[in-house]
Amino acid sequence: MKRILLFSTILLALISNNYLNSQTSNHVFDKSDSVIIRELYNMALSEGESYENLRYLCKEIGARITGSTEAQMAVEWGQKIMTEYGF
């Protein structure tokens, strides 16, 4: 059974890798695309709320074991944040 699972996992990984490579090889990337993506990434980390959100989730809510009160608090907090962000 373990051999079948291992074989299936490896086969899936190889198929996925080939599929993803074939999808990206047809697209020509413009150098300005990577510059814009890098600027967005840097801005999100430096001017965004990512670190504050991470701090709140880790320090204020704490460990989130499945089924715990903290896990439920984290879900509710995440829903609230996503709603505020317009998702």
PDB file of N, CA and C in Angstrom:
ATOM      1  N   MET A   1       0.829  -1.197   0.000  1.00  0.00           N
ATOM      2  CA  MET A   1       0.000   0.000   0.000  1.00  0.00           C
ATOM      3  C   MET A   1       0.871   1.258   0.000  1.00  0.00           C
ATOM      4  N   LYS A   2       1.947   1.198   0.826  1.00  0.00           N
ATOM      5  CA  LYS A   2       2.837   2.362   0.895  1.00  0.00           C
ATOM      6  C   LYS A   2       3.518   2.602  -0.449  1.00  0.00           C
ATOM      7  N   ARG A   3       3.858   1.515  -1.145  1.00  0.00           N
ATOM      8  CA  ARG A   3       4.527   1.663  -2.437  1.00  0.00           C
ATOM      9  C   ARG A   3       3.594   2.303  -3.463  1.00  0.00           C
ATOM     10  N   ILE A   4       2.323   1.907  -3.422  1.00  0.00           N
ATOM     11  CA  ILE A   4       1.347   2.477  -4.357  1.00  0.00           C
ATOM     12  C   ILE A   4       1.167   3.962  -4.080  1.00  0.00           C
ATOM     13  N   LEU A   5       1.075   4.320  -2.799  1.00  0.00           N
ATOM     14  CA  LEU A   5       0.921   5.722  -2.420  1.00  0.00           C
ATOM     15  C   LEU A   5       2.140   6.536  -2.839  1.00  0.00           C
ATOM     16  N   LEU A   6       3.336   5.992  -2.596  1.00  0.00           N
ATOM     17  CA  LEU A   6       4.564   6.679  -2.983  1.00  0.00           C
ATOM     18  C   LEU A   6       4.631   6.846  -4.499  1.00  0.00           C
ATOM     19  N   PHE A   7       4.332   5.774  -5.227  1.00  0.00           N
ATOM     20  CA  PHE A   7       4.353   5.838  -6.687  1.00  0.00           C
ATOM     21  C   PHE A   7       3.347   6.863  -7.205  1.00  0.00           C
ATOM     22  N   SER A   8       2.141   6.850  -6.634  1.00  0.00           N
ATOM     23  CA  SER A   8       1.103   7.795  -7.061  1.00  0.00           C
ATOM     24  C   SER A   8       1.525   9.232  -6.807  1.00  0.00           C
ATOM     25  N   THR A   9       2.137   9.476  -5.653  1.00  0.00           N
ATOM     26  CA  THR A   9       2.588  10.818  -5.308  1.00  0.00           C
ATOM     27  C   THR A   9       3.661  11.300  -6.278  1.00  0.00           C
ATOM     28  N   ILE A  10       4.625  10.439  -6.557  1.00  0.00           N
ATOM     29  CA  ILE A  10       5.705  10.805  -7.481  1.00  0.00           C
ATOM     30  C   ILE A  10       5.146  11.045  -8.882  1.00  0.00           C
ATOM     31  N   LEU A  11       4.244  10.182  -9.322  1.00  0.00           N
ATOM     32  CA  LEU A  11       3.639  10.340 -10.642  1.00  0.00           C
ATOM     33  C   LEU A  11       2.865  11.650 -10.740  1.00  0.00           C
ATOM     34  N   LEU A  12       2.094  11.962  -9.715  1.00  0.00           N
ATOM     35  CA  LEU A  12       1.337  13.215  -9.700  1.00  0.00           C
ATOM     36  C   LEU A  12       2.277  14.421  -9.741  1.00  0.00           C
ATOM     37  N   ALA A  13       3.370  14.355  -8.990  1.00  0.00           N
ATOM     38  CA  ALA A  13       4.333  15.458  -8.981  1.00  0.00           C
ATOM     39  C   ALA A  13       4.951  15.654 -10.365  1.00  0.00           C
ATOM     40  N   LEU A  14       5.306  14.571 -11.019  1.00  0.00           N
ATOM     41  CA  LEU A  14       5.902  14.677 -12.354  1.00  0.00           C
ATOM     42  C   LEU A  14       4.911  15.227 -13.373  1.00  0.00           C
ATOM     43  N   ILE A  15       3.685  14.748 -13.327  1.00  0.00           N
ATOM     44  CA  ILE A  15       2.664  15.239 -14.259  1.00  0.00           C
ATOM     45  C   ILE A  15       2.389  16.717 -14.017  1.00  0.00           C
ATOM     46  N   SER A  16       2.272  17.095 -12.742  1.00  0.00           N
ATOM     47  CA  SER A  16       2.016  18.499 -12.409  1.00  0.00           C
ATOM     48  C   SER A  16       3.155  19.384 -12.879  1.00  0.00           C
ATOM     49  N   ASN A  17       4.378  18.938 -12.669  1.00  0.00           N
ATOM     50  CA  ASN A  17       5.541  19.717 -13.068  1.00  0.00           C
ATOM     51  C   ASN A  17       5.556  19.920 -14.581  1.00  0.00           C
ATOM     52  N   ASN A  18       5.292  18.867 -15.336  1.00  0.00           N
ATOM     53  CA  ASN A  18       5.268  18.989 -16.797  1.00  0.00           C
ATOM     54  C   ASN A  18       4.158  19.918 -17.258  1.00  0.00           C
ATOM     55  N   TYR A  19       2.995  19.818 -16.636  1.00  0.00           N
ATOM     56  CA  TYR A  19       1.869  20.676 -17.004  1.00  0.00           C
ATOM     57  C   TYR A  19       2.194  22.139 -16.724  1.00  0.00           C
ATOM     58  N   LEU A  20       2.742  22.415 -15.537  1.00  0.00           N
ATOM     59  CA  LEU A  20       3.058  23.799 -15.188  1.00  0.00           C
ATOM     60  C   LEU A  20       4.135  24.368 -16.094  1.00  0.00           C
ATOM     61  N   ASN A  21       5.135  23.573 -16.422  1.00  0.00           N
ATOM     62  CA  ASN A  21       6.189  24.048 -17.320  1.00  0.00           C
ATOM     63  C   ASN A  21       5.640  24.340 -18.707  1.00  0.00           C
ATOM     64  N   SER A  22       4.726  23.527 -19.186  1.00  0.00           N
ATOM     65  CA  SER A  22       4.171  23.772 -20.516  1.00  0.00           C
ATOM     66  C   SER A  22       3.292  25.015 -20.532  1.00  0.00           C
ATOM     67  N   GLN A  23       2.649  25.336 -19.424  1.00  0.00           N
ATOM     68  CA  GLN A  23       1.795  26.520 -19.357  1.00  0.00           C
ATOM     69  C   GLN A  23       2.619  27.801 -19.361  1.00  0.00           C
ATOM     70  N   THR A  24       3.729  27.815 -18.638  1.00  0.00           N
ATOM     71  CA  THR A  24       4.515  29.043 -18.535  1.00  0.00           C
ATOM     72  C   THR A  24       5.454  29.236 -19.722  1.00  0.00           C
ATOM     73  N   SER A  25       5.823  28.171 -20.415  1.00  0.00           N
ATOM     74  CA  SER A  25       6.773  28.329 -21.512  1.00  0.00           C
ATOM     75  C   SER A  25       6.159  29.039 -22.714  1.00  0.00           C
ATOM     76  N   ASN A  26       4.838  29.042 -22.834  1.00  0.00           N
ATOM     77  CA  ASN A  26       4.188  29.707 -23.959  1.00  0.00           C
ATOM     78  C   ASN A  26       4.018  31.204 -23.738  1.00  0.00           C
ATOM     79  N   HIS A  27       4.174  31.651 -22.521  1.00  0.00           N
ATOM     80  CA  HIS A  27       3.959  33.061 -22.198  1.00  0.00           C
ATOM     81  C   HIS A  27       5.298  33.791 -22.197  1.00  0.00           C
ATOM     82  N   VAL A  28       5.360  34.897 -22.885  1.00  0.00           N
ATOM     83  CA  VAL A  28       6.574  35.706 -22.911  1.00  0.00           C
ATOM     84  C   VAL A  28       6.448  36.765 -21.820  1.00  0.00           C
ATOM     85  N   PHE A  29       7.378  36.724 -20.878  1.00  0.00           N
ATOM     86  CA  PHE A  29       7.345  37.677 -19.779  1.00  0.00           C
ATOM     87  C   PHE A  29       8.125  38.923 -20.152  1.00  0.00           C
ATOM     88  N   ASP A  30       7.534  40.035 -19.886  1.00  0.00           N
ATOM     89  CA  ASP A  30       8.184  41.313 -20.094  1.00  0.00           C
ATOM     90  C   ASP A  30       8.977  41.630 -18.832  1.00  0.00           C
ATOM     91  N   LYS A  31      10.157  42.186 -18.988  1.00  0.00           N
ATOM     92  CA  LYS A  31      10.980  42.499 -17.827  1.00  0.00           C
ATOM     93  C   LYS A  31      10.264  43.475 -16.903  1.00  0.00           C
ATOM     94  N   SER A  32       9.464  44.357 -17.463  1.00  0.00           N
ATOM     95  CA  SER A  32       8.759  45.319 -16.624  1.00  0.00           C
ATOM     96  C   SER A  32       7.732  44.625 -15.729  1.00  0.00           C
ATOM     97  N   ASP A  33       7.228  43.452 -16.152  1.00  0.00           N
ATOM     98  CA  ASP A  33       6.307  42.696 -15.305  1.00  0.00           C
ATOM     99  C   ASP A  33       6.967  42.341 -13.981  1.00  0.00           C
ATOM    100  N   SER A  34       8.182  41.827 -14.053  1.00  0.00           N
ATOM    101  CA  SER A  34       8.862  41.421 -12.821  1.00  0.00           C
ATOM    102  C   SER A  34       9.199  42.623 -11.947  1.00  0.00           C
ATOM    103  N   VAL A  35       9.485  43.760 -12.565  1.00  0.00           N
ATOM    104  CA  VAL A  35       9.765  44.973 -11.795  1.00  0.00           C
ATOM    105  C   VAL A  35       8.508  45.430 -11.062  1.00  0.00           C
ATOM    106  N   ILE A  36       7.381  45.416 -11.746  1.00  0.00           N
ATOM    107  CA  ILE A  36       6.117  45.831 -11.124  1.00  0.00           C
ATOM    108  C   ILE A  36       5.740  44.874  -9.996  1.00  0.00           C
ATOM    109  N   ILE A  37       5.894  43.577 -10.239  1.00  0.00           N
ATOM    110  CA  ILE A  37       5.586  42.595  -9.195  1.00  0.00           C
ATOM    111  C   ILE A  37       6.476  42.812  -7.985  1.00  0.00           C
ATOM    112  N   ARG A  38       7.756  43.071  -8.201  1.00  0.00           N
ATOM    113  CA  ARG A  38       8.687  43.305  -7.092  1.00  0.00           C
ATOM    114  C   ARG A  38       8.288  44.552  -6.311  1.00  0.00           C
ATOM    115  N   GLU A  39       7.899  45.620  -7.016  1.00  0.00           N
ATOM    116  CA  GLU A  39       7.471  46.848  -6.333  1.00  0.00           C
ATOM    117  C   GLU A  39       6.223  46.608  -5.491  1.00  0.00           C
ATOM    118  N   LEU A  40       5.256  45.868  -6.034  1.00  0.00           N
ATOM    119  CA  LEU A  40       4.048  45.545  -5.268  1.00  0.00           C
ATOM    120  C   LEU A  40       4.383  44.725  -4.029  1.00  0.00           C
ATOM    121  N   TYR A  41       5.255  43.761  -4.197  1.00  0.00           N
ATOM    122  CA  TYR A  41       5.673  42.905  -3.087  1.00  0.00           C
ATOM    123  C   TYR A  41       6.349  43.733  -2.000  1.00  0.00           C
ATOM    124  N   ASN A  42       7.294  44.579  -2.396  1.00  0.00           N
ATOM    125  CA  ASN A  42       7.999  45.418  -1.423  1.00  0.00           C
ATOM    126  C   ASN A  42       7.051  46.381  -0.720  1.00  0.00           C
ATOM    127  N   MET A  43       6.130  46.973  -1.466  1.00  0.00           N
ATOM    128  CA  MET A  43       5.182  47.912  -0.875  1.00  0.00           C
ATOM    129  C   MET A  43       4.262  47.192   0.119  1.00  0.00           C
ATOM    130  N   ALA A  44       3.830  45.996  -0.233  1.00  0.00           N
ATOM    131  CA  ALA A  44       2.938  45.246   0.661  1.00  0.00           C
ATOM    132  C   ALA A  44       3.634  44.925   1.976  1.00  0.00           C
ATOM    133  N   LEU A  45       4.923  44.631   1.908  1.00  0.00           N
ATOM    134  CA  LEU A  45       5.646  44.295   3.133  1.00  0.00           C
ATOM    135  C   LEU A  45       6.034  45.526   3.941  1.00  0.00           C
ATOM    136  N   SER A  46       6.375  46.618   3.260  1.00  0.00           N
ATOM    137  CA  SER A  46       6.848  47.791   3.998  1.00  0.00           C
ATOM    138  C   SER A  46       5.731  48.741   4.398  1.00  0.00           C
ATOM    139  N   GLU A  47       4.730  48.909   3.543  1.00  0.00           N
ATOM    140  CA  GLU A  47       3.672  49.875   3.826  1.00  0.00           C
ATOM    141  C   GLU A  47       2.339  49.218   4.163  1.00  0.00           C
ATOM    142  N   GLY A  48       2.244  47.939   3.930  1.00  0.00           N
ATOM    143  CA  GLY A  48       0.991  47.226   4.163  1.00  0.00           C
ATOM    144  C   GLY A  48       0.815  46.844   5.620  1.00  0.00           C
ATOM    145  N   GLU A  49      -0.175  46.023   5.860  1.00  0.00           N
ATOM    146  CA  GLU A  49      -0.503  45.610   7.219  1.00  0.00           C
ATOM    147  C   GLU A  49      -0.140  44.151   7.469  1.00  0.00           C
ATOM    148  N   SER A  50       0.660  43.547   6.592  1.00  0.00           N
ATOM    149  CA  SER A  50       0.951  42.123   6.718  1.00  0.00           C
ATOM    150  C   SER A  50       1.602  41.758   8.037  1.00  0.00           C
ATOM    151  N   TYR A  51       2.624  42.500   8.424  1.00  0.00           N
ATOM    152  CA  TYR A  51       3.318  42.162   9.665  1.00  0.00           C
ATOM    153  C   TYR A  51       2.432  42.409  10.878  1.00  0.00           C
ATOM    154  N   GLU A  52       1.647  43.455  10.851  1.00  0.00           N
ATOM    155  CA  GLU A  52       0.732  43.719  11.965  1.00  0.00           C
ATOM    156  C   GLU A  52      -0.324  42.626  12.049  1.00  0.00           C
ATOM    157  N   ASN A  53      -0.835  42.185  10.904  1.00  0.00           N
ATOM    158  CA  ASN A  53      -1.805  41.091  10.908  1.00  0.00           C
ATOM    159  C   ASN A  53      -1.183  39.807  11.448  1.00  0.00           C
ATOM    160  N   LEU A  54       0.030  39.520  11.033  1.00  0.00           N
ATOM    161  CA  LEU A  54       0.725  38.333  11.525  1.00  0.00           C
ATOM    162  C   LEU A  54       0.974  38.433  13.022  1.00  0.00           C
ATOM    163  N   ARG A  55       1.392  39.613  13.489  1.00  0.00           N
ATOM    164  CA  ARG A  55       1.637  39.807  14.912  1.00  0.00           C
ATOM    165  C   ARG A  55       0.357  39.583  15.709  1.00  0.00           C
ATOM    166  N   TYR A  56      -0.748  40.151  15.246  1.00  0.00           N
ATOM    167  CA  TYR A  56      -2.017  40.010  15.956  1.00  0.00           C
ATOM    168  C   TYR A  56      -2.436  38.543  16.022  1.00  0.00           C
ATOM    169  N   LEU A  57      -2.323  37.867  14.906  1.00  0.00           N
ATOM    170  CA  LEU A  57      -2.719  36.465  14.848  1.00  0.00           C
ATOM    171  C   LEU A  57      -1.875  35.605  15.787  1.00  0.00           C
ATOM    172  N   CYS A  58      -0.576  35.873  15.837  1.00  0.00           N
ATOM    173  CA  CYS A  58       0.313  35.055  16.669  1.00  0.00           C
ATOM    174  C   CYS A  58       0.294  35.459  18.137  1.00  0.00           C
ATOM    175  N   LYS A  59       0.308  36.750  18.416  1.00  0.00           N
ATOM    176  CA  LYS A  59       0.437  37.213  19.802  1.00  0.00           C
ATOM    177  C   LYS A  59      -0.900  37.386  20.508  1.00  0.00           C
ATOM    178  N   GLU A  60      -1.874  37.970  19.844  1.00  0.00           N
ATOM    179  CA  GLU A  60      -3.153  38.254  20.493  1.00  0.00           C
ATOM    180  C   GLU A  60      -4.059  37.020  20.528  1.00  0.00           C
ATOM    181  N   ILE A  61      -4.135  36.307  19.411  1.00  0.00           N
ATOM    182  CA  ILE A  61      -4.992  35.121  19.364  1.00  0.00           C
ATOM    183  C   ILE A  61      -4.234  33.907  19.877  1.00  0.00           C
ATOM    184  N   GLY A  62      -2.994  33.773  19.485  1.00  0.00           N
ATOM    185  CA  GLY A  62      -2.164  32.688  20.004  1.00  0.00           C
ATOM    186  C   GLY A  62      -2.285  31.400  19.209  1.00  0.00           C
ATOM    187  N   ALA A  63      -1.873  30.310  19.864  1.00  0.00           N
ATOM    188  CA  ALA A  63      -1.866  28.990  19.225  1.00  0.00           C
ATOM    189  C   ALA A  63      -3.277  28.618  18.789  1.00  0.00           C
ATOM    190  N   ARG A  64      -3.370  28.003  17.610  1.00  0.00           N
ATOM    191  CA  ARG A  64      -4.687  27.716  17.045  1.00  0.00           C
ATOM    192  C   ARG A  64      -4.836  26.231  16.754  1.00  0.00           C
ATOM    193  N   ILE A  65      -4.952  25.448  17.817  1.00  0.00           N
ATOM    194  CA  ILE A  65      -5.144  24.012  17.658  1.00  0.00           C
ATOM    195  C   ILE A  65      -6.559  23.770  17.135  1.00  0.00           C
ATOM    196  N   THR A  66      -6.699  22.836  16.231  1.00  0.00           N
ATOM    197  CA  THR A  66      -7.996  22.547  15.624  1.00  0.00           C
ATOM    198  C   THR A  66      -9.060  22.302  16.686  1.00  0.00           C
ATOM    199  N   GLY A  67     -10.175  22.994  16.540  1.00  0.00           N
ATOM    200  CA  GLY A  67     -11.295  22.831  17.461  1.00  0.00           C
ATOM    201  C   GLY A  67     -11.211  23.683  18.710  1.00  0.00           C
ATOM    202  N   SER A  68     -10.124  24.428  18.866  1.00  0.00           N
ATOM    203  CA  SER A  68      -9.960  25.243  20.074  1.00  0.00           C
ATOM    204  C   SER A  68     -10.686  26.578  19.933  1.00  0.00           C
ATOM    205  N   THR A  69     -10.831  27.258  21.056  1.00  0.00           N
ATOM    206  CA  THR A  69     -11.432  28.590  21.057  1.00  0.00           C
ATOM    207  C   THR A  69     -10.595  29.542  20.214  1.00  0.00           C
ATOM    208  N   GLU A  70      -9.261  29.407  20.321  1.00  0.00           N
ATOM    209  CA  GLU A  70      -8.361  30.269  19.552  1.00  0.00           C
ATOM    210  C   GLU A  70      -8.532  30.050  18.050  1.00  0.00           C
ATOM    211  N   ALA A  71      -8.755  28.805  17.658  1.00  0.00           N
ATOM    212  CA  ALA A  71      -8.965  28.522  16.233  1.00  0.00           C
ATOM    213  C   ALA A  71     -10.227  29.222  15.736  1.00  0.00           C
ATOM    214  N   GLN A  72     -11.278  29.172  16.532  1.00  0.00           N
ATOM    215  CA  GLN A  72     -12.518  29.847  16.155  1.00  0.00           C
ATOM    216  C   GLN A  72     -12.321  31.358  16.118  1.00  0.00           C
ATOM    217  N   MET A  73     -11.568  31.890  17.090  1.00  0.00           N
ATOM    218  CA  MET A  73     -11.281  33.327  17.106  1.00  0.00           C
ATOM    219  C   MET A  73     -10.514  33.731  15.851  1.00  0.00           C
ATOM    220  N   ALA A  74      -9.553  32.896  15.446  1.00  0.00           N
ATOM    221  CA  ALA A  74      -8.752  33.194  14.257  1.00  0.00           C
ATOM    222  C   ALA A  74      -9.618  33.205  13.002  1.00  0.00           C
ATOM    223  N   VAL A  75     -10.549  32.266  12.906  1.00  0.00           N
ATOM    224  CA  VAL A  75     -11.448  32.220  11.746  1.00  0.00           C
ATOM    225  C   VAL A  75     -12.305  33.475  11.700  1.00  0.00           C
ATOM    226  N   GLU A  76     -12.874  33.837  12.835  1.00  0.00           N
ATOM    227  CA  GLU A  76     -13.728  35.032  12.884  1.00  0.00           C
ATOM    228  C   GLU A  76     -12.927  36.291  12.580  1.00  0.00           C
ATOM    229  N   TRP A  77     -11.713  36.371  13.122  1.00  0.00           N
ATOM    230  CA  TRP A  77     -10.842  37.519  12.856  1.00  0.00           C
ATOM    231  C   TRP A  77     -10.509  37.583  11.362  1.00  0.00           C
ATOM    232  N   GLY A  78     -10.175  36.437  10.766  1.00  0.00           N
ATOM    233  CA  GLY A  78      -9.851  36.394   9.345  1.00  0.00           C
ATOM    234  C   GLY A  78     -11.014  36.824   8.473  1.00  0.00           C
ATOM    235  N   GLN A  79     -12.215  36.390   8.834  1.00  0.00           N
ATOM    236  CA  GLN A  79     -13.399  36.806   8.079  1.00  0.00           C
ATOM    237  C   GLN A  79     -13.591  38.315   8.175  1.00  0.00           C
ATOM    238  N   LYS A  80     -13.401  38.860   9.367  1.00  0.00           N
ATOM    239  CA  LYS A  80     -13.563  40.302   9.570  1.00  0.00           C
ATOM    240  C   LYS A  80     -12.540  41.083   8.738  1.00  0.00           C
ATOM    241  N   ILE A  81     -11.294  40.656   8.779  1.00  0.00           N
ATOM    242  CA  ILE A  81     -10.226  41.337   8.035  1.00  0.00           C
ATOM    243  C   ILE A  81     -10.497  41.267   6.527  1.00  0.00           C
ATOM    244  N   MET A  82     -10.864  40.087   6.033  1.00  0.00           N
ATOM    245  CA  MET A  82     -11.129  39.941   4.602  1.00  0.00           C
ATOM    246  C   MET A  82     -12.305  40.811   4.170  1.00  0.00           C
ATOM    247  N   THR A  83     -13.320  40.933   5.016  1.00  0.00           N
ATOM    248  CA  THR A  83     -14.463  41.798   4.707  1.00  0.00           C
ATOM    249  C   THR A  83     -14.017  43.252   4.650  1.00  0.00           C
ATOM    250  N   GLU A  84     -13.180  43.652   5.613  1.00  0.00           N
ATOM    251  CA  GLU A  84     -12.669  45.030   5.622  1.00  0.00           C
ATOM    252  C   GLU A  84     -11.845  45.326   4.374  1.00  0.00           C
ATOM    253  N   TYR A  85     -11.123  44.315   3.866  1.00  0.00           N
ATOM    254  CA  TYR A  85     -10.306  44.490   2.666  1.00  0.00           C
ATOM    255  C   TYR A  85     -11.128  44.400   1.386  1.00  0.00           C
ATOM    256  N   GLY A  86     -12.404  44.087   1.519  1.00  0.00           N
ATOM    257  CA  GLY A  86     -13.277  44.063   0.357  1.00  0.00           C
ATOM    258  C   GLY A  86     -13.353  42.738  -0.374  1.00  0.00           C
ATOM    259  N   PHE A  87     -12.974  41.662   0.279  1.00  0.00           N
ATOM    260  CA  PHE A  87     -13.056  40.336  -0.357  1.00  0.00           C
ATOM    261  C   PHE A  87     -14.368  39.680  -0.054  1.00  0.00           C
TER     262      PHE A  87
END
